[in-house]
Amino acid sequence: MDVCPPVVAHPPESVGGRRSAVGGRRLTIHGARVGIAYSLFDVLDFLHCTGLPAQDRAVDDPELIEWRVGGPYGWNSTA
């Protein structure tokens, strides 16, 4: 059985119908929406606040975070 990562970083939000770096990424942790991350620092802050591992390398851990569209370094429509 596949285990889903507890954190999902959704695609960059649309602003005016277009993806934009200023739109940020919606984060869900264990299925609950926790907020919008505008940078990797925000992602790490959300992880820390929920008691999940928040080391820098956590953003590259596929067992912890599922990145939808662009990965941890894709924050705009060019990702």
Protein backbone atom coordinates (compact mmCIF):
# COMPACT_ATOMS: atom_id res chain seq x y z
CA MET A 1 0.00 0.00 0.00
CA ASP A 2 1.34 3.44 -0.94
CA VAL A 3 1.70 5.97 1.85
CA CYS A 4 0.90 9.57 0.97
CA PRO A 5 3.20 12.30 2.25
CA PRO A 6 1.62 14.27 5.12
CA VAL A 7 2.31 17.61 3.41
CA VAL A 8 1.02 18.69 -0.01
CA ALA A 9 2.31 21.86 -1.63
CA HIS A 10 -0.28 22.70 -4.27
CA PRO A 11 0.55 24.47 -7.55
CA PRO A 12 1.33 28.18 -7.38
CA GLU A 13 -1.88 30.15 -6.92
CA SER A 14 -3.33 32.08 -9.82
CA VAL A 15 -3.46 35.85 -9.76
CA GLY A 16 -5.72 37.34 -12.39
CA GLY A 17 -6.11 33.96 -14.09
CA ARG A 18 -2.35 33.45 -14.48
CA ARG A 19 0.12 31.69 -12.24
CA SER A 20 2.31 34.15 -10.45
CA ALA A 21 5.15 34.04 -7.94
CA VAL A 22 3.19 36.47 -5.76
CA GLY A 23 0.33 33.98 -5.53
CA GLY A 24 2.18 31.53 -3.29
CA ARG A 25 1.40 27.83 -2.78
CA ARG A 26 -1.47 26.49 -0.71
CA LEU A 27 -0.25 23.95 1.85
CA THR A 28 -2.20 21.11 3.35
CA ILE A 29 -0.87 19.02 6.22
CA HIS A 30 -2.62 15.75 7.02
CA GLY A 31 -5.47 16.89 4.76
CA ALA A 32 -6.08 20.20 6.53
CA ARG A 33 -5.40 23.50 4.81
CA VAL A 34 -2.81 25.35 6.88
CA GLY A 35 -2.15 28.42 4.76
CA ILE A 36 -0.27 29.90 1.83
CA ALA A 37 3.51 29.64 1.54
CA TYR A 38 5.23 32.35 -0.45
CA SER A 39 8.72 30.87 -0.10
CA LEU A 40 10.59 27.82 1.17
CA PHE A 41 11.04 29.66 4.46
CA ASP A 42 7.25 29.74 4.84
CA VAL A 43 7.07 26.00 4.13
CA LEU A 44 9.66 25.32 6.83
CA ASP A 45 7.77 27.57 9.25
CA PHE A 46 4.52 25.64 8.68
CA LEU A 47 6.39 22.36 9.20
CA HIS A 48 7.91 23.63 12.44
CA CYS A 49 4.58 24.94 13.76
CA THR A 50 2.92 21.56 13.19
CA GLY A 51 5.72 19.54 14.76
CA LEU A 52 7.03 18.04 11.52
CA PRO A 53 10.74 17.98 10.63
CA ALA A 54 11.72 21.47 9.52
CA GLN A 55 15.37 21.08 8.56
CA ASP A 56 16.39 22.61 5.22
CA ARG A 57 16.63 19.16 3.65
CA ALA A 58 12.97 18.48 4.52
CA VAL A 59 11.83 20.33 1.39
CA ASP A 60 13.50 17.66 -0.78
CA ASP A 61 12.03 14.69 1.11
CA PRO A 62 9.31 13.06 -1.06
CA GLU A 63 8.11 11.05 1.96
CA LEU A 64 7.33 14.32 3.75
CA ILE A 65 6.19 16.73 1.02
CA GLU A 66 4.37 16.12 -2.24
CA TRP A 67 5.13 19.05 -4.54
CA ARG A 68 2.47 19.52 -7.19
CA VAL A 69 3.81 21.31 -10.24
CA GLY A 70 7.37 22.58 -10.15
CA GLY A 71 8.91 21.01 -7.08
CA PRO A 72 10.33 22.93 -4.14
CA TYR A 73 12.09 25.44 -6.36
CA GLY A 74 9.16 26.18 -8.69
CA TRP A 75 7.20 29.15 -7.46
CA ASN A 76 5.92 30.67 -10.69
CA SER A 77 4.52 29.73 -14.09
CA THR A 78 7.97 29.00 -15.54
CA ALA A 79 8.45 26.08 -13.12
